N, C-alpha and C. Protein backbone atom coordinates (compact mmCIF):
# COMPACT_ATOMS: atom_id res chain seq x y z
N ASN A 1 -22.61 1.62 -38.28
CA ASN A 1 -23.09 2.81 -37.80
C ASN A 1 -21.79 4.03 -38.70
N SER A 2 -22.48 4.59 -39.96
CA SER A 2 -22.26 5.89 -40.76
C SER A 2 -22.44 6.81 -40.64
N PHE A 3 -21.53 7.75 -41.34
CA PHE A 3 -21.64 9.31 -41.38
C PHE A 3 -21.77 9.76 -43.57
N THR A 4 -22.14 10.95 -43.52
CA THR A 4 -21.55 11.27 -44.67
C THR A 4 -20.13 11.73 -45.16
N LEU A 5 -18.95 12.10 -45.13
CA LEU A 5 -17.78 12.50 -44.98
C LEU A 5 -17.82 13.60 -46.09
N ALA A 6 -17.27 14.49 -46.80
CA ALA A 6 -17.49 15.62 -48.00
C ALA A 6 -15.77 15.90 -47.56
N ALA A 7 -15.18 15.11 -48.76
CA ALA A 7 -13.96 14.73 -49.43
C ALA A 7 -13.19 16.18 -50.30
N SER A 8 -12.32 16.78 -49.13
CA SER A 8 -12.26 18.25 -49.49
C SER A 8 -11.54 18.54 -50.44
N MET A 9 -10.84 17.97 -50.91
CA MET A 9 -9.61 17.66 -52.54
C MET A 9 -10.85 17.55 -53.19
N SER A 10 -11.52 16.75 -53.77
CA SER A 10 -12.66 15.87 -54.43
C SER A 10 -13.83 16.54 -54.48
N GLY A 11 -14.22 17.00 -53.28
CA GLY A 11 -15.50 17.69 -53.64
C GLY A 11 -16.30 16.59 -53.19
N LYS A 12 -16.15 15.82 -53.91
CA LYS A 12 -17.00 14.70 -53.33
C LYS A 12 -17.90 13.99 -52.25
N THR A 13 -18.70 13.61 -52.05
CA THR A 13 -19.29 13.30 -50.41
C THR A 13 -19.80 12.59 -50.47
N GLU A 14 -19.00 11.04 -50.07
CA GLU A 14 -19.24 10.01 -49.91
C GLU A 14 -19.37 9.12 -48.11
N LYS A 15 -20.54 8.15 -47.90
CA LYS A 15 -20.28 7.21 -46.42
C LYS A 15 -19.53 6.80 -46.27
N THR A 16 -18.85 6.57 -45.15
CA THR A 16 -17.64 6.37 -44.92
C THR A 16 -18.09 5.91 -42.96
N SER A 17 -17.37 5.00 -42.46
CA SER A 17 -18.04 5.01 -40.98
C SER A 17 -16.63 5.32 -40.27
N PHE A 18 -16.46 5.92 -38.84
CA PHE A 18 -15.64 5.99 -37.82
C PHE A 18 -14.62 5.35 -37.58
N GLN A 19 -14.82 3.93 -37.50
CA GLN A 19 -13.48 3.31 -37.82
C GLN A 19 -11.98 3.50 -39.66
N GLN A 20 -13.27 3.71 -40.77
CA GLN A 20 -12.56 4.03 -41.33
C GLN A 20 -11.69 4.98 -41.55
N VAL A 21 -12.44 6.70 -40.46
CA VAL A 21 -11.97 7.98 -40.32
C VAL A 21 -10.70 7.58 -39.23
N ALA A 22 -10.75 6.41 -38.49
CA ALA A 22 -10.02 6.39 -36.91
C ALA A 22 -8.37 5.33 -38.02
N MET A 23 -8.51 4.83 -38.97
CA MET A 23 -7.68 4.26 -39.86
C MET A 23 -6.52 5.13 -40.56
N THR A 24 -7.45 6.29 -41.39
CA THR A 24 -6.89 7.25 -41.76
C THR A 24 -6.37 8.12 -41.01
N ALA A 25 -6.78 8.66 -39.92
CA ALA A 25 -5.66 9.46 -38.75
C ALA A 25 -4.95 8.42 -38.29
N SER A 26 -4.67 7.03 -38.04
CA SER A 26 -3.53 6.56 -37.86
C SER A 26 -2.45 6.64 -38.49
N ILE A 27 -3.02 6.07 -39.94
CA ILE A 27 -2.05 6.54 -40.93
C ILE A 27 -1.11 7.74 -41.02
N ALA A 28 -1.70 8.81 -40.61
CA ALA A 28 -1.21 10.07 -40.78
C ALA A 28 -0.45 10.28 -39.72
N GLU A 29 -1.04 9.80 -38.13
CA GLU A 29 0.19 10.76 -37.71
C GLU A 29 -0.14 9.95 -36.26
N GLY A 30 -0.17 8.17 -36.48
CA GLY A 30 -0.59 7.50 -35.45
C GLY A 30 -1.49 8.04 -34.27
N ILE A 31 -1.67 6.24 -33.43
CA ILE A 31 -3.38 6.37 -33.03
C ILE A 31 -2.69 6.58 -30.92
N GLY A 32 -1.40 6.79 -31.05
CA GLY A 32 -0.90 6.80 -29.59
C GLY A 32 -0.31 5.80 -28.45
N PHE A 33 -0.73 4.29 -29.60
CA PHE A 33 -0.73 3.08 -28.94
C PHE A 33 0.62 2.73 -29.28
N ILE A 34 1.31 1.60 -28.34
CA ILE A 34 2.54 0.61 -28.30
C ILE A 34 2.41 0.28 -30.34
N GLY A 35 3.11 0.51 -31.04
CA GLY A 35 3.17 0.32 -32.27
C GLY A 35 2.31 0.57 -33.63
N ASN A 36 2.14 2.30 -32.81
CA ASN A 36 1.35 2.98 -33.42
C ASN A 36 1.61 4.60 -33.54
N LEU A 37 3.35 5.39 -32.86
CA LEU A 37 3.26 6.26 -32.18
C LEU A 37 3.88 7.28 -33.23
N SER A 38 3.42 8.72 -33.35
CA SER A 38 3.89 9.58 -34.05
C SER A 38 5.31 9.88 -33.14
N GLU A 39 6.00 10.89 -33.88
CA GLU A 39 7.37 11.65 -33.01
C GLU A 39 6.43 12.40 -31.76
N ARG A 40 5.22 13.37 -32.00
CA ARG A 40 4.66 13.63 -30.64
C ARG A 40 4.86 12.58 -30.45
N HIS A 41 3.77 11.71 -29.81
CA HIS A 41 3.38 10.71 -29.09
C HIS A 41 4.78 10.45 -28.52
N LEU A 42 5.95 10.05 -28.78
CA LEU A 42 6.91 9.21 -28.75
C LEU A 42 7.74 10.34 -27.49
N GLU A 43 7.87 11.91 -28.32
CA GLU A 43 8.41 13.15 -27.57
C GLU A 43 7.61 12.99 -26.01
N ALA A 44 6.59 13.01 -25.92
CA ALA A 44 5.48 13.15 -24.64
C ALA A 44 6.13 12.32 -24.20
N LEU A 45 6.38 10.58 -24.18
CA LEU A 45 6.54 9.48 -23.74
C LEU A 45 8.28 10.20 -22.80
N ARG A 46 9.35 9.94 -23.56
CA ARG A 46 10.34 10.06 -23.28
C ARG A 46 10.18 11.61 -22.11
N GLU A 47 9.78 12.97 -22.77
CA GLU A 47 9.34 13.63 -21.56
C GLU A 47 9.07 12.89 -20.04
N LEU A 48 8.38 12.74 -19.99
CA LEU A 48 7.15 11.72 -18.69
C LEU A 48 8.57 10.90 -17.99
N ARG A 49 8.92 9.82 -18.55
CA ARG A 49 10.21 8.94 -18.48
C ARG A 49 11.23 9.74 -17.71
N GLU A 50 11.64 10.82 -18.40
CA GLU A 50 12.97 11.18 -17.96
C GLU A 50 13.14 12.14 -16.82
N GLY A 51 12.18 12.56 -16.11
CA GLY A 51 11.68 12.85 -14.89
C GLY A 51 11.04 14.29 -14.37
N ARG A 52 10.21 14.49 -16.09
CA ARG A 52 9.44 15.45 -15.80
C ARG A 52 8.21 15.59 -14.36
N LEU A 53 8.39 14.37 -14.38
CA LEU A 53 7.02 14.01 -12.92
C LEU A 53 8.59 13.96 -11.51
N LYS A 54 7.82 14.51 -10.56
CA LYS A 54 8.03 14.56 -9.11
C LYS A 54 8.87 13.93 -8.57
N ALA A 55 8.17 12.37 -8.52
CA ALA A 55 7.75 11.58 -7.67
C ALA A 55 8.34 10.51 -9.25
N PRO A 56 9.31 8.98 -8.35
CA PRO A 56 9.70 8.05 -9.49
C PRO A 56 8.77 7.14 -9.76
N LEU A 57 8.55 6.97 -11.05
CA LEU A 57 8.10 6.28 -11.17
C LEU A 57 8.49 4.81 -11.16
N SER A 58 8.34 4.27 -10.30
CA SER A 58 9.24 2.95 -9.82
C SER A 58 8.06 2.18 -9.50
N ALA A 59 7.29 1.84 -8.98
CA ALA A 59 6.39 0.25 -9.19
C ALA A 59 6.32 0.26 -10.31
N PRO A 60 6.25 -0.93 -11.01
CA PRO A 60 6.17 -2.34 -11.90
C PRO A 60 4.91 -1.98 -12.58
N ARG A 61 3.90 -1.16 -12.31
CA ARG A 61 2.54 -0.93 -12.83
C ARG A 61 2.61 0.57 -13.68
N TRP A 62 3.15 1.35 -14.08
CA TRP A 62 4.08 2.42 -14.60
C TRP A 62 4.98 1.43 -16.04
N THR A 63 4.68 0.90 -16.58
CA THR A 63 5.35 0.85 -17.45
C THR A 63 4.79 2.01 -19.04
N ASP A 64 4.83 2.05 -20.01
CA ASP A 64 5.13 2.69 -21.43
C ASP A 64 3.48 2.91 -21.48
N VAL A 65 3.04 1.50 -21.79
CA VAL A 65 1.23 1.21 -21.85
C VAL A 65 1.05 2.05 -20.59
N GLN A 66 0.98 2.01 -19.50
CA GLN A 66 -0.06 2.65 -18.86
C GLN A 66 0.40 4.05 -18.80
N LEU A 67 1.99 4.20 -18.59
CA LEU A 67 1.72 6.02 -19.19
C LEU A 67 1.08 6.86 -19.92
N LEU A 68 1.33 5.68 -21.63
CA LEU A 68 0.46 6.28 -22.97
C LEU A 68 -1.10 7.05 -22.77
N ARG A 69 -1.62 5.49 -22.03
CA ARG A 69 -2.99 5.11 -21.63
C ARG A 69 -3.20 6.94 -21.09
N HIS A 70 -2.19 7.49 -20.05
CA HIS A 70 -2.39 8.60 -19.32
C HIS A 70 -2.29 9.87 -20.19
N LEU A 71 -1.76 9.62 -21.53
CA LEU A 71 -0.91 10.69 -22.18
C LEU A 71 -2.55 11.02 -23.32
N ARG A 72 -3.12 10.14 -23.70
CA ARG A 72 -3.78 9.52 -24.33
C ARG A 72 -4.96 10.57 -23.76
N HIS A 73 -5.42 10.26 -22.36
CA HIS A 73 -5.94 11.06 -21.67
C HIS A 73 -6.53 12.22 -21.99
N SER A 74 -5.20 13.13 -21.94
CA SER A 74 -4.99 14.59 -21.82
C SER A 74 -4.68 15.24 -23.73
N ASN A 75 -5.02 14.28 -24.49
CA ASN A 75 -4.84 14.24 -25.52
C ASN A 75 -2.58 14.59 -25.90
N PHE A 76 -2.23 13.98 -25.22
CA PHE A 76 -0.86 14.17 -25.24
C PHE A 76 -0.29 15.29 -24.44
N ASP A 77 -1.11 16.30 -23.65
CA ASP A 77 -0.08 16.61 -23.51
C ASP A 77 0.88 17.10 -21.87
N VAL A 78 1.59 17.44 -22.42
CA VAL A 78 2.59 16.03 -20.86
C VAL A 78 2.37 16.85 -19.87
N GLU A 79 2.00 18.62 -19.75
CA GLU A 79 2.16 19.45 -18.50
C GLU A 79 0.31 18.79 -17.75
N ALA A 80 -0.26 18.67 -18.51
CA ALA A 80 -1.63 18.61 -18.07
C ALA A 80 -1.57 16.53 -17.81
N THR A 81 -0.97 16.11 -18.15
CA THR A 81 -0.02 14.43 -17.56
C THR A 81 0.87 14.68 -16.18
N THR A 82 1.21 15.87 -16.12
CA THR A 82 2.30 15.63 -15.46
C THR A 82 1.41 15.43 -14.61
N LYS A 83 -0.10 16.37 -14.10
CA LYS A 83 -0.66 16.77 -12.91
C LYS A 83 -1.29 15.77 -12.53
N ALA A 84 -2.34 14.56 -13.15
CA ALA A 84 -2.81 14.18 -13.33
C ALA A 84 -1.95 12.81 -12.51
N LEU A 85 -0.91 12.69 -13.19
CA LEU A 85 -0.08 11.25 -13.13
C LEU A 85 0.43 11.82 -11.55
N GLU A 86 0.71 13.05 -10.96
CA GLU A 86 1.71 12.89 -9.31
C GLU A 86 0.20 12.85 -8.72
N SER A 87 -0.54 13.72 -8.72
CA SER A 87 -2.39 13.20 -8.30
C SER A 87 -2.15 11.68 -7.94
N THR A 88 -2.01 11.00 -9.00
CA THR A 88 -2.33 9.94 -8.99
C THR A 88 -1.43 8.88 -7.82
N LEU A 89 0.12 9.62 -8.04
CA LEU A 89 0.98 8.69 -7.21
C LEU A 89 0.98 9.33 -5.75
N LYS A 90 0.85 9.94 -5.34
CA LYS A 90 0.37 11.09 -3.83
C LYS A 90 -0.67 10.17 -3.50
N TYR A 91 -2.27 9.51 -4.40
CA TYR A 91 -3.11 9.12 -4.07
C TYR A 91 -2.16 7.92 -3.45
N ARG A 92 -1.91 7.18 -4.10
CA ARG A 92 -1.52 5.82 -4.29
C ARG A 92 -0.61 5.47 -2.85
N HIS A 93 1.10 6.35 -2.97
CA HIS A 93 1.47 6.51 -1.50
C HIS A 93 0.65 6.94 -0.33
N ASP A 94 0.38 7.95 -0.24
CA ASP A 94 -0.69 8.28 0.98
C ASP A 94 -1.54 6.68 1.15
N ARG A 95 -2.11 6.35 0.77
CA ARG A 95 -2.80 4.86 1.03
C ARG A 95 -2.05 3.43 0.71
N ASN A 96 -0.57 3.77 0.83
CA ASN A 96 0.08 2.56 0.33
C ASN A 96 -0.42 1.44 -0.41
N LEU A 97 -1.08 2.15 -1.92
CA LEU A 97 -0.68 1.12 -2.58
C LEU A 97 -0.26 0.18 -3.69
N ASP A 98 0.88 0.72 -3.29
CA ASP A 98 2.47 0.64 -4.33
C ASP A 98 3.05 -0.43 -3.46
N VAL A 99 2.70 -0.86 -1.84
CA VAL A 99 3.87 -1.61 -1.25
C VAL A 99 3.62 -3.29 -1.13
N SER A 100 4.66 -3.76 -1.60
CA SER A 100 4.38 -5.02 -1.86
C SER A 100 4.09 -5.50 -0.36
N SER A 101 2.89 -7.06 -0.20
CA SER A 101 2.53 -7.46 0.95
C SER A 101 3.31 -8.23 1.37
N ARG A 102 4.23 -8.80 1.12
CA ARG A 102 5.10 -9.51 1.56
C ARG A 102 5.76 -9.69 2.63
């Protein structure tokens, strides 16, 4: 799976893969996964963790990895992620999905 990419600085055209482009982007600003986060990604994660949500993220499933998954889905738009997570938390609460079965 290759495509032609025109390099804007050199004016050269070369064949490259989507993976190479993704790697270049990740070097420049992080790709939103643990170990490869930009300042923007970290700030969005901090905002969610520090109480942006009305409901607490107390269940063990709400790790940074899980929150980053939701943030990536909304391109790190904290407001959109907050709305989606609140909806998810309400759904889980209404159905007692985070209650221990012990």
